Amino acid sequence: MNYRVIFGPQALDQLVELFRYIAEAASPDMATRCTDAIVSFCESLCLFPHRGIQRDDIRPGLRITNYKSRVAIAFAVDATVVTILGIFCGGQNYEAILQDSMEDDPWADGPV
């Protein structure tokens, strides 16, 4: 069974910020390659959505996987949908960010 992958608003904002950072620090072409690769990796969760580590200690239904060891991807899985909740680069403290955003996030109580 293939799952549908969707990106939550926080994850989309984080991708835009990452693109801007890389485009300024390196080049727009490099930013495009990097963010496209992250999006492709996230979309690959449609085949094996239960990858990574379950982190119910942060929020119910949360899973974390890594892309090239520098990007942590936070997501939730329900019966047919994988929701990308956040994309965290470098040494960002994703645990604190996800816990702080629970009040504003429609997926705070787990996958939709």
N, C-alpha and C. Protein backbone atom coordinates (compact mmCIF):
# COMPACT_ATOMS: atom_id res chain seq x y z
N MET A 1 0.83 -1.18 0.00
CA MET A 1 0.00 0.00 0.00
C MET A 1 0.88 1.25 0.00
N ASN A 2 0.58 2.18 -0.85
CA ASN A 2 1.27 3.46 -0.86
C ASN A 2 0.51 4.47 -0.03
N TYR A 3 1.23 5.22 0.76
CA TYR A 3 0.66 6.29 1.56
C TYR A 3 0.79 7.60 0.78
N ARG A 4 -0.06 8.54 1.10
CA ARG A 4 0.06 9.88 0.53
C ARG A 4 0.92 10.70 1.48
N VAL A 5 1.85 11.47 0.96
CA VAL A 5 2.73 12.32 1.77
C VAL A 5 2.29 13.77 1.61
N ILE A 6 2.05 14.43 2.74
CA ILE A 6 1.72 15.86 2.71
C ILE A 6 2.68 16.60 3.63
N PHE A 7 2.89 17.86 3.33
CA PHE A 7 3.78 18.70 4.12
C PHE A 7 2.94 19.68 4.92
N GLY A 8 3.12 19.68 6.23
CA GLY A 8 2.44 20.64 7.09
C GLY A 8 3.02 22.03 6.90
N PRO A 9 2.31 23.05 7.38
CA PRO A 9 2.76 24.42 7.17
C PRO A 9 4.13 24.72 7.76
N GLN A 10 4.45 24.18 8.93
CA GLN A 10 5.75 24.42 9.54
C GLN A 10 6.86 23.82 8.68
N ALA A 11 6.64 22.63 8.15
CA ALA A 11 7.65 21.99 7.30
C ALA A 11 7.87 22.78 6.02
N LEU A 12 6.79 23.28 5.43
CA LEU A 12 6.92 24.10 4.22
C LEU A 12 7.70 25.38 4.51
N ASP A 13 7.39 26.03 5.63
CA ASP A 13 8.13 27.24 6.01
C ASP A 13 9.61 26.94 6.21
N GLN A 14 9.90 25.81 6.83
CA GLN A 14 11.30 25.43 7.08
C GLN A 14 12.04 25.15 5.77
N LEU A 15 11.37 24.55 4.80
CA LEU A 15 12.00 24.32 3.50
C LEU A 15 12.32 25.64 2.80
N VAL A 16 11.40 26.59 2.88
CA VAL A 16 11.63 27.91 2.28
C VAL A 16 12.82 28.59 2.94
N GLU A 17 12.87 28.56 4.27
CA GLU A 17 13.99 29.17 4.99
C GLU A 17 15.31 28.49 4.66
N LEU A 18 15.30 27.17 4.55
CA LEU A 18 16.51 26.44 4.18
C LEU A 18 16.96 26.84 2.78
N PHE A 19 16.01 26.93 1.85
CA PHE A 19 16.35 27.34 0.49
C PHE A 19 17.01 28.72 0.51
N ARG A 20 16.40 29.66 1.22
CA ARG A 20 16.95 31.02 1.28
C ARG A 20 18.36 31.03 1.86
N TYR A 21 18.55 30.28 2.93
CA TYR A 21 19.87 30.24 3.57
C TYR A 21 20.93 29.70 2.62
N ILE A 22 20.64 28.57 1.96
CA ILE A 22 21.62 27.97 1.06
C ILE A 22 21.85 28.85 -0.16
N ALA A 23 20.78 29.45 -0.68
CA ALA A 23 20.91 30.32 -1.85
C ALA A 23 21.82 31.50 -1.56
N GLU A 24 21.71 32.06 -0.36
CA GLU A 24 22.57 33.19 0.02
C GLU A 24 23.99 32.74 0.35
N ALA A 25 24.11 31.61 1.03
CA ALA A 25 25.43 31.14 1.45
C ALA A 25 26.21 30.49 0.31
N ALA A 26 25.51 29.88 -0.63
CA ALA A 26 26.18 29.17 -1.72
C ALA A 26 25.65 29.67 -3.07
N SER A 27 24.54 29.09 -3.51
CA SER A 27 23.95 29.50 -4.79
C SER A 27 22.50 29.02 -4.86
N PRO A 28 21.69 29.67 -5.67
CA PRO A 28 20.32 29.19 -5.87
C PRO A 28 20.26 27.78 -6.45
N ASP A 29 21.20 27.43 -7.33
CA ASP A 29 21.21 26.08 -7.89
C ASP A 29 21.45 25.04 -6.80
N MET A 30 22.39 25.31 -5.92
CA MET A 30 22.67 24.38 -4.83
C MET A 30 21.47 24.29 -3.89
N ALA A 31 20.83 25.42 -3.63
CA ALA A 31 19.65 25.43 -2.77
C ALA A 31 18.54 24.58 -3.37
N THR A 32 18.35 24.70 -4.68
CA THR A 32 17.33 23.90 -5.36
C THR A 32 17.65 22.42 -5.26
N ARG A 33 18.89 22.04 -5.53
CA ARG A 33 19.28 20.62 -5.44
C ARG A 33 19.07 20.07 -4.04
N CYS A 34 19.46 20.84 -3.04
CA CYS A 34 19.36 20.37 -1.66
C CYS A 34 17.90 20.21 -1.23
N THR A 35 17.10 21.24 -1.44
CA THR A 35 15.70 21.16 -1.00
C THR A 35 14.92 20.14 -1.82
N ASP A 36 15.21 20.02 -3.11
CA ASP A 36 14.55 18.99 -3.92
C ASP A 36 14.89 17.59 -3.41
N ALA A 37 16.13 17.38 -3.00
CA ALA A 37 16.54 16.08 -2.48
C ALA A 37 15.82 15.76 -1.16
N ILE A 38 15.65 16.77 -0.32
CA ILE A 38 14.93 16.56 0.94
C ILE A 38 13.46 16.24 0.67
N VAL A 39 12.86 16.97 -0.24
CA VAL A 39 11.46 16.71 -0.60
C VAL A 39 11.32 15.29 -1.16
N SER A 40 12.23 14.88 -2.03
CA SER A 40 12.18 13.53 -2.60
C SER A 40 12.32 12.47 -1.51
N PHE A 41 13.22 12.72 -0.57
CA PHE A 41 13.39 11.78 0.53
C PHE A 41 12.09 11.67 1.33
N CYS A 42 11.48 12.82 1.63
CA CYS A 42 10.21 12.82 2.37
C CYS A 42 9.13 12.07 1.59
N GLU A 43 9.06 12.30 0.29
CA GLU A 43 8.07 11.63 -0.54
C GLU A 43 8.29 10.13 -0.59
N SER A 44 9.52 9.68 -0.39
CA SER A 44 9.81 8.24 -0.38
C SER A 44 9.19 7.54 0.83
N LEU A 45 8.75 8.31 1.81
CA LEU A 45 8.06 7.73 2.96
C LEU A 45 6.72 7.10 2.55
N CYS A 46 6.25 7.37 1.34
CA CYS A 46 4.99 6.79 0.87
C CYS A 46 5.09 5.27 0.80
N LEU A 47 6.28 4.73 0.59
CA LEU A 47 6.45 3.28 0.48
C LEU A 47 6.72 2.60 1.81
N PHE A 48 7.53 3.21 2.65
CA PHE A 48 7.89 2.65 3.95
C PHE A 48 7.74 3.74 5.01
N PRO A 49 6.51 4.04 5.43
CA PRO A 49 6.27 5.19 6.29
C PRO A 49 6.69 5.00 7.75
N HIS A 50 6.97 3.79 8.15
CA HIS A 50 7.29 3.58 9.57
C HIS A 50 8.79 3.53 9.82
N ARG A 51 9.54 4.21 8.95
CA ARG A 51 10.99 4.33 9.14
C ARG A 51 11.26 5.24 10.33
N GLY A 52 12.49 5.24 10.74
CA GLY A 52 12.89 6.16 11.79
C GLY A 52 12.52 5.66 13.18
N ILE A 53 12.53 6.60 14.09
CA ILE A 53 12.31 6.28 15.51
C ILE A 53 11.01 6.89 15.96
N GLN A 54 10.20 6.11 16.64
CA GLN A 54 8.97 6.64 17.20
C GLN A 54 9.32 7.48 18.43
N ARG A 55 8.76 8.70 18.52
CA ARG A 55 9.07 9.62 19.61
C ARG A 55 7.80 10.12 20.29
N ASP A 56 7.04 9.19 20.83
CA ASP A 56 5.84 9.56 21.57
C ASP A 56 6.16 10.38 22.81
N ASP A 57 7.41 10.36 23.26
CA ASP A 57 7.81 11.16 24.41
C ASP A 57 7.77 12.66 24.10
N ILE A 58 7.86 13.02 22.81
CA ILE A 58 7.79 14.42 22.40
C ILE A 58 6.34 14.80 22.11
N ARG A 59 5.66 13.96 21.34
CA ARG A 59 4.24 14.16 21.03
C ARG A 59 3.69 12.86 20.47
N PRO A 60 2.42 12.57 20.71
CA PRO A 60 1.84 11.29 20.26
C PRO A 60 1.94 11.10 18.75
N GLY A 61 2.38 9.92 18.35
CA GLY A 61 2.42 9.57 16.94
C GLY A 61 3.61 10.11 16.16
N LEU A 62 4.51 10.80 16.82
CA LEU A 62 5.65 11.41 16.14
C LEU A 62 6.71 10.37 15.81
N ARG A 63 7.27 10.50 14.61
CA ARG A 63 8.42 9.70 14.19
C ARG A 63 9.48 10.65 13.69
N ILE A 64 10.74 10.27 13.86
CA ILE A 64 11.88 11.07 13.41
C ILE A 64 12.77 10.17 12.55
N THR A 65 13.16 10.68 11.39
CA THR A 65 14.14 10.02 10.56
C THR A 65 15.15 11.07 10.13
N ASN A 66 16.27 10.62 9.61
CA ASN A 66 17.33 11.54 9.21
C ASN A 66 17.64 11.42 7.73
N TYR A 67 17.99 12.55 7.16
CA TYR A 67 18.45 12.60 5.78
C TYR A 67 19.90 13.08 5.81
N LYS A 68 20.80 12.24 5.32
CA LYS A 68 22.24 12.55 5.26
C LYS A 68 22.80 13.06 6.59
N SER A 69 22.30 12.58 7.66
CA SER A 69 22.76 12.82 9.03
C SER A 69 22.75 14.28 9.48
N ARG A 70 22.41 15.22 8.62
CA ARG A 70 22.37 16.63 9.02
C ARG A 70 20.96 17.19 9.07
N VAL A 71 19.99 16.42 8.57
CA VAL A 71 18.61 16.90 8.53
C VAL A 71 17.73 15.89 9.26
N ALA A 72 17.00 16.36 10.26
CA ALA A 72 16.03 15.53 10.97
C ALA A 72 14.65 15.86 10.41
N ILE A 73 13.90 14.82 10.09
CA ILE A 73 12.57 15.00 9.54
C ILE A 73 11.57 14.42 10.54
N ALA A 74 10.67 15.28 10.99
CA ALA A 74 9.63 14.88 11.93
C ALA A 74 8.35 14.64 11.15
N PHE A 75 7.70 13.50 11.41
CA PHE A 75 6.48 13.18 10.67
C PHE A 75 5.57 12.31 11.50
N ALA A 76 4.32 12.23 11.05
CA ALA A 76 3.32 11.39 11.69
C ALA A 76 2.66 10.55 10.60
N VAL A 77 2.22 9.35 10.97
CA VAL A 77 1.62 8.42 10.02
C VAL A 77 0.24 8.03 10.54
N ASP A 78 -0.76 8.11 9.65
CA ASP A 78 -2.05 7.54 10.00
C ASP A 78 -2.35 6.41 9.02
N ALA A 79 -3.58 6.03 8.85
CA ALA A 79 -3.93 4.87 8.04
C ALA A 79 -3.50 5.00 6.58
N THR A 80 -3.51 6.22 6.02
CA THR A 80 -3.19 6.38 4.60
C THR A 80 -2.29 7.58 4.29
N VAL A 81 -1.97 8.39 5.30
CA VAL A 81 -1.25 9.65 5.05
C VAL A 81 -0.03 9.76 5.95
N VAL A 82 1.08 10.22 5.35
CA VAL A 82 2.27 10.61 6.10
C VAL A 82 2.29 12.13 6.08
N THR A 83 2.30 12.74 7.26
CA THR A 83 2.33 14.19 7.36
C THR A 83 3.71 14.63 7.83
N ILE A 84 4.40 15.39 7.00
CA ILE A 84 5.71 15.92 7.37
C ILE A 84 5.44 17.13 8.26
N LEU A 85 5.88 17.05 9.51
CA LEU A 85 5.60 18.10 10.49
C LEU A 85 6.72 19.11 10.60
N GLY A 86 7.96 18.69 10.34
CA GLY A 86 9.08 19.61 10.48
C GLY A 86 10.32 19.07 9.81
N ILE A 87 11.16 19.99 9.35
CA ILE A 87 12.44 19.67 8.73
C ILE A 87 13.49 20.52 9.44
N PHE A 88 14.37 19.85 10.18
CA PHE A 88 15.30 20.54 11.06
C PHE A 88 16.73 20.26 10.62
N CYS A 89 17.49 21.32 10.42
CA CYS A 89 18.84 21.20 9.88
C CYS A 89 19.90 21.49 10.94
N GLY A 90 21.07 20.92 10.69
CA GLY A 90 22.19 21.18 11.57
C GLY A 90 21.90 20.73 12.99
N GLY A 91 22.20 21.57 13.93
CA GLY A 91 22.02 21.23 15.33
C GLY A 91 20.74 21.75 15.95
N GLN A 92 19.73 22.06 15.13
CA GLN A 92 18.48 22.57 15.70
C GLN A 92 17.91 21.59 16.72
N ASN A 93 17.39 22.12 17.81
CA ASN A 93 16.78 21.31 18.86
C ASN A 93 15.33 21.02 18.48
N TYR A 94 15.13 20.01 17.64
CA TYR A 94 13.79 19.71 17.16
C TYR A 94 12.85 19.31 18.28
N GLU A 95 13.37 18.69 19.33
CA GLU A 95 12.51 18.29 20.44
C GLU A 95 11.83 19.51 21.07
N ALA A 96 12.60 20.53 21.38
CA ALA A 96 12.05 21.74 21.99
C ALA A 96 11.12 22.47 21.02
N ILE A 97 11.51 22.56 19.76
CA ILE A 97 10.69 23.25 18.77
C ILE A 97 9.34 22.55 18.61
N LEU A 98 9.35 21.23 18.52
CA LEU A 98 8.10 20.49 18.35
C LEU A 98 7.22 20.58 19.60
N GLN A 99 7.83 20.51 20.77
CA GLN A 99 7.05 20.64 22.00
C GLN A 99 6.44 22.03 22.12
N ASP A 100 7.22 23.07 21.76
CA ASP A 100 6.72 24.44 21.84
C ASP A 100 5.61 24.71 20.83
N SER A 101 5.63 24.02 19.70
CA SER A 101 4.65 24.30 18.66
C SER A 101 3.36 23.49 18.80
N MET A 102 3.26 22.64 19.80
CA MET A 102 2.10 21.77 19.93
C MET A 102 0.79 22.55 20.06
N GLU A 103 0.80 23.69 20.72
CA GLU A 103 -0.43 24.45 20.91
C GLU A 103 -0.96 25.02 19.60
N ASP A 104 -0.07 25.39 18.68
CA ASP A 104 -0.47 26.02 17.43
C ASP A 104 -0.66 25.03 16.28
N ASP A 105 -0.35 23.77 16.49
CA ASP A 105 -0.28 22.81 15.42
C ASP A 105 -1.53 21.93 15.37
N PRO A 106 -2.22 21.82 14.22
CA PRO A 106 -3.39 20.98 14.13
C PRO A 106 -3.09 19.50 14.29
N TRP A 107 -1.82 19.10 14.17
CA TRP A 107 -1.43 17.70 14.34
C TRP A 107 -0.85 17.44 15.74
N ALA A 108 -1.06 18.33 16.66
CA ALA A 108 -0.44 18.23 17.97
C ALA A 108 -0.87 16.98 18.73
N ASP A 109 -2.06 16.51 18.49
CA ASP A 109 -2.54 15.33 19.21
C ASP A 109 -2.27 14.05 18.45
N GLY A 110 -1.43 14.11 17.43
CA GLY A 110 -1.11 12.94 16.65
C GLY A 110 -1.56 13.14 15.22
N PRO A 111 -1.41 12.13 14.39
CA PRO A 111 -1.77 12.26 12.99
C PRO A 111 -3.25 12.50 12.81
N VAL A 112 -3.58 13.17 11.73
CA VAL A 112 -4.98 13.47 11.42
C VAL A 112 -5.64 12.24 10.87
